[in-house]
Amino acid sequence: MIVWLNGPFGGGKTTLAAGLSRALPGVTVAEPEAVGDLLRSTLAGHALRPKDYQDLPLWRQLTGAFVAGLVRHTVGPVIVPMAVLNPAYAEEIFTPLRQADGGFHHLVVHATPAALQERIAASREFPGDEARSEAVRAYRRRRAADYEQAAAGWMHADGRRHRHQRPHRRADPRRGSRPPATSGPRAAPITGGTTGMTVTIHPVPGFGHSGRRPSPICPGRARGARS
C-alpha cells in the first residue's frame, strides 16, 4: 500500500510520516526529494539543469519507479511525504502507482495559512547554519501561495479551502452524550519537530485513488483519514 502525503511546503508532511513510521510496524518512508537532490547534483553545471527538479520528466519517472520498487521490495506500506502541486505532474506520477498492491491513497495534509506561517517561522532545517535554514524558510514562504492555488483548484473535492478543525471532544458519561458525527475531514495532531500543531488530513476522492478496498492500516478512506 502507498500513502502519498501531499500539502504545503513546510506543513508537517515529513513529521507526520515519521510519526506514522514509529507507530505502525513495517512502514517505509520514501523521500522523493532525495531523488531530486541526486538529479540536481548530477546535472550541476549542465545546460539542462532545471530550476525546479519537479519540472524534469526524469524526476517524475524515477520517483514513480522508486516508490513502486520499495513496495515490491518491502512488501509493506510505503508513506511518501512530498508536495506535488502541479496536477499534471501528480497525475503522471500517481497513475502507475494506482496499480500497487494494497492500493494507492493520496492525502492532503492541510494547514491554515496562519498555522503554516507559524510553523515555517519556527523551523530550523539546518541547526547551527542559520543562513541555510533561512533559505529553506524563504522558499517555503514563496511556495505557500502555490499551495493555496492548488488547494482551491484541484486538491480538495469541493474546490474550497477547508477550515482548520479542532479534534472532537470525548463523550461525557454523566450526560450520556456522544461526539458529534461528521462527514468531513478529520483533525489529526502533529507533534515533534520544532513545534506542535494540528493539521487536517483531506483525502482527494477521484484523484489518485486506486478504487480498491481500504487497507486496515488506514481506515475510513471515504470520510477522512486518521493518523
Protein backbone atom coordinates (compact mmCIF):
# COMPACT_ATOMS: atom_id res chain seq x y z
CA MET A 1 0.00 0.00 0.00
CA ILE A 2 1.15 3.52 -0.82
CA VAL A 3 0.08 6.59 1.16
CA TRP A 4 1.14 9.82 -0.55
CA LEU A 5 1.10 12.83 1.79
CA ASN A 6 0.68 15.99 -0.24
CA GLY A 7 0.29 19.54 1.04
CA PRO A 8 2.16 22.81 1.55
CA PHE A 9 5.92 23.00 1.80
CA GLY A 10 6.77 23.05 5.50
CA GLY A 11 3.28 21.95 6.50
CA GLY A 12 4.22 18.85 8.50
CA LYS A 13 4.19 16.02 5.96
CA THR A 14 7.61 14.67 6.94
CA THR A 15 6.79 14.98 10.65
CA LEU A 16 3.55 13.07 10.13
CA ALA A 17 5.31 10.38 8.07
CA ALA A 18 7.95 9.93 10.78
CA GLY A 19 5.25 9.59 13.44
CA LEU A 20 3.38 7.01 11.41
CA SER A 21 6.55 5.02 10.79
CA ARG A 22 7.18 4.88 14.55
CA ALA A 23 3.61 3.90 15.35
CA LEU A 24 2.98 1.35 12.62
CA PRO A 25 5.20 -1.71 12.16
CA GLY A 26 6.71 -2.42 8.78
CA VAL A 27 6.23 1.09 7.35
CA THR A 28 8.83 2.52 4.98
CA VAL A 29 9.11 6.27 4.37
CA ALA A 30 10.15 7.18 0.82
CA GLU A 31 11.69 10.61 0.18
CA PRO A 32 11.38 11.69 -3.47
CA GLU A 33 13.33 14.80 -2.51
CA ALA A 34 16.40 12.58 -2.34
CA VAL A 35 15.80 11.66 -5.99
CA GLY A 36 15.67 15.37 -6.81
CA ASP A 37 18.88 16.03 -4.90
CA LEU A 38 20.60 13.26 -6.87
CA LEU A 39 19.47 14.76 -10.19
CA ARG A 40 20.44 18.26 -9.07
CA SER A 41 23.96 17.19 -8.16
CA THR A 42 24.34 15.04 -11.27
CA LEU A 43 23.24 17.86 -13.57
CA ALA A 44 25.14 20.59 -11.75
CA GLY A 45 26.62 22.90 -14.36
CA HIS A 46 24.68 21.23 -17.18
CA ALA A 47 22.68 23.39 -19.55
CA LEU A 48 19.59 21.21 -18.96
CA ARG A 49 19.68 21.52 -15.17
CA PRO A 50 16.21 22.84 -14.24
CA LYS A 51 15.47 25.38 -11.55
CA ASP A 52 12.86 23.04 -10.07
CA TYR A 53 13.64 19.34 -10.39
CA GLN A 54 9.92 18.51 -10.46
CA ASP A 55 9.89 20.05 -13.95
CA LEU A 56 12.13 17.22 -15.10
CA PRO A 57 10.17 14.32 -16.63
CA LEU A 58 13.08 12.16 -15.47
CA TRP A 59 12.39 13.06 -11.82
CA ARG A 60 8.74 12.11 -12.15
CA GLN A 61 9.61 8.82 -13.84
CA LEU A 62 12.30 7.93 -11.30
CA THR A 63 10.08 8.89 -8.38
CA GLY A 64 7.31 6.59 -9.55
CA ALA A 65 9.76 3.74 -10.12
CA PHE A 66 11.41 4.39 -6.73
CA VAL A 67 8.15 4.24 -4.78
CA ALA A 68 6.77 1.25 -6.68
CA GLY A 69 10.07 -0.58 -6.25
CA LEU A 70 10.00 -0.02 -2.49
CA VAL A 71 6.52 -1.54 -2.29
CA ARG A 72 7.69 -4.64 -4.14
CA HIS A 73 10.89 -4.91 -2.11
CA THR A 74 9.48 -4.33 1.38
CA VAL A 75 6.06 -5.93 0.81
CA GLY A 76 4.74 -3.37 3.26
CA PRO A 77 3.17 0.08 3.46
CA VAL A 78 5.16 2.94 1.92
CA ILE A 79 4.50 6.53 3.01
CA VAL A 80 5.61 9.32 0.67
CA PRO A 81 5.76 12.85 2.17
CA MET A 82 6.12 15.06 -0.90
CA ALA A 83 4.40 18.19 -2.13
CA VAL A 84 3.33 17.92 -5.77
CA LEU A 85 1.19 20.95 -6.55
CA ASN A 86 1.02 20.66 -10.33
CA PRO A 87 -1.99 18.43 -11.12
CA ALA A 88 -0.48 17.21 -14.39
CA TYR A 89 2.71 16.15 -12.60
CA ALA A 90 0.68 14.48 -9.86
CA GLU A 91 -1.40 12.52 -12.35
CA GLU A 92 1.74 11.42 -14.23
CA ILE A 93 3.28 10.03 -11.04
CA PHE A 94 0.13 8.63 -9.48
CA THR A 95 -1.32 6.81 -12.49
CA PRO A 96 1.12 3.86 -12.46
CA LEU A 97 1.20 3.81 -8.65
CA ARG A 98 -2.54 3.06 -8.55
CA GLN A 99 -1.65 -0.49 -9.56
CA ALA A 100 0.38 -1.07 -6.39
CA ASP A 101 -0.51 -3.98 -4.14
CA GLY A 102 -2.72 -2.79 -1.30
CA GLY A 103 -3.89 0.30 -3.15
CA PHE A 104 -2.81 3.89 -3.51
CA HIS A 105 -4.08 6.67 -1.26
CA HIS A 106 -3.46 10.36 -1.89
CA LEU A 107 -3.96 12.51 1.23
CA VAL A 108 -3.55 16.25 1.63
CA VAL A 109 -2.06 17.45 4.92
CA HIS A 110 -3.75 20.83 5.11
CA ALA A 111 -2.80 23.72 7.39
CA THR A 112 -4.37 27.16 7.54
CA PRO A 113 -2.17 29.99 6.23
CA ALA A 114 -1.58 31.30 9.76
CA ALA A 115 -0.62 27.86 11.10
CA LEU A 116 1.67 27.27 8.12
CA GLN A 117 3.49 30.59 8.56
CA GLU A 118 3.92 29.90 12.27
CA ARG A 119 5.40 26.51 11.54
CA ILE A 120 7.74 27.88 8.87
CA ALA A 121 8.97 30.65 11.19
CA ALA A 122 9.81 28.11 13.91
CA SER A 123 11.58 25.65 11.60
CA ARG A 124 15.33 25.05 11.74
CA GLU A 125 16.22 22.67 8.94
CA PHE A 126 19.96 23.12 9.47
CA PRO A 127 20.72 23.63 13.18
CA GLY A 128 23.84 25.71 13.52
CA ASP A 129 23.55 27.10 9.99
CA GLU A 130 21.06 29.94 10.14
CA ALA A 131 21.74 31.10 6.57
CA ARG A 132 20.76 27.75 5.09
CA SER A 133 17.78 27.45 7.40
CA GLU A 134 16.52 30.88 6.39
CA ALA A 135 16.90 29.96 2.71
CA VAL A 136 14.59 26.99 3.31
CA ARG A 137 12.11 29.18 5.18
CA ALA A 138 12.14 31.75 2.36
CA TYR A 139 11.44 29.04 -0.22
CA ARG A 140 8.54 27.68 1.81
CA ARG A 141 7.05 31.15 2.18
CA ARG A 142 7.29 31.71 -1.57
CA ARG A 143 5.54 28.42 -2.29
CA ALA A 144 2.69 28.99 0.19
CA ALA A 145 0.65 30.84 -2.42
CA ASP A 146 1.20 27.99 -4.89
CA TYR A 147 -0.31 25.58 -2.38
CA GLU A 148 -3.31 27.83 -1.78
CA GLN A 149 -3.93 27.92 -5.53
CA ALA A 150 -3.62 24.13 -5.82
CA ALA A 151 -5.84 23.58 -2.80
CA ALA A 152 -8.56 25.78 -4.24
CA GLY A 153 -8.17 24.43 -7.76
CA TRP A 154 -7.89 20.65 -7.52
CA MET A 155 -6.64 19.20 -4.25
CA HIS A 156 -9.94 19.34 -2.38
CA ALA A 157 -13.00 17.74 -3.87
CA ASP A 158 -15.24 20.80 -3.42
CA GLY A 159 -12.61 23.25 -4.68
CA ARG A 160 -12.68 25.27 -1.46
CA ARG A 161 -10.22 25.74 1.36
CA HIS A 162 -11.39 23.69 4.33
CA ARG A 163 -11.34 25.26 7.74
CA HIS A 164 -8.91 24.16 10.39
CA GLN A 165 -10.75 21.85 12.77
CA ARG A 166 -10.44 21.00 16.41
CA PRO A 167 -10.38 17.35 17.50
CA HIS A 168 -13.77 16.19 18.73
CA ARG A 169 -14.29 16.12 22.49
CA ARG A 170 -14.98 12.78 24.07
CA ALA A 171 -18.46 11.95 25.25
CA ASP A 172 -19.39 12.94 28.80
CA PRO A 173 -20.54 9.71 30.55
CA ARG A 174 -22.55 11.76 33.02
CA ARG A 175 -24.68 13.14 30.23
CA GLY A 176 -24.68 10.04 28.08
CA SER A 177 -23.74 12.22 25.11
CA ARG A 178 -21.80 11.16 22.07
CA PRO A 179 -19.25 13.06 20.00
CA PRO A 180 -20.90 14.75 17.03
CA ALA A 181 -20.84 12.70 13.86
CA THR A 182 -19.16 14.32 10.89
CA SER A 183 -18.73 13.53 7.25
CA GLY A 184 -15.89 15.98 6.73
CA PRO A 185 -12.13 15.73 7.18
CA ARG A 186 -10.71 14.54 10.48
CA ALA A 187 -8.31 16.63 12.55
CA ALA A 188 -5.00 14.98 13.41
CA PRO A 189 -2.42 16.32 15.90
CA ILE A 190 1.11 16.77 14.62
CA THR A 191 3.77 16.58 17.29
CA GLY A 192 7.52 16.63 17.32
CA GLY A 193 9.99 18.72 15.36
CA THR A 194 10.26 22.39 16.15
CA THR A 195 6.62 22.99 17.00
CA GLY A 196 3.45 21.04 17.59
CA MET A 197 0.41 21.83 15.51
CA THR A 198 -2.85 20.34 14.36
CA VAL A 199 -3.46 19.92 10.66
CA THR A 200 -6.40 18.47 8.80
CA ILE A 201 -5.97 15.46 6.54
CA HIS A 202 -8.11 15.55 3.41
CA PRO A 203 -8.46 12.56 1.11
CA VAL A 204 -8.86 13.57 -2.51
CA PRO A 205 -11.75 11.47 -3.87
CA GLY A 206 -11.40 10.58 -7.50
CA PHE A 207 -7.82 11.81 -7.81
CA GLY A 208 -5.07 9.32 -7.29
CA HIS A 209 -7.16 6.64 -5.59
CA SER A 210 -6.96 3.07 -6.78
CA GLY A 211 -10.58 2.32 -6.01
CA ARG A 212 -9.61 -0.78 -4.05
CA ARG A 213 -10.87 -1.56 -0.59
CA PRO A 214 -9.07 0.41 2.14
CA SER A 215 -6.30 -1.40 3.94
CA PRO A 216 -6.79 -1.89 7.72
CA ILE A 217 -3.75 0.30 8.31
CA CYS A 218 -5.58 3.40 7.06
CA PRO A 219 -9.32 3.00 7.75
CA GLY A 220 -12.04 5.44 6.90
CA ARG A 221 -10.80 6.44 3.47
CA ALA A 222 -14.19 7.65 2.24
CA ARG A 223 -14.81 10.01 5.15
CA GLY A 224 -11.34 11.19 6.03
CA ALA A 225 -8.28 9.54 7.48
CA ARG A 226 -6.83 9.19 10.92
CA SER A 227 -3.12 9.25 11.52
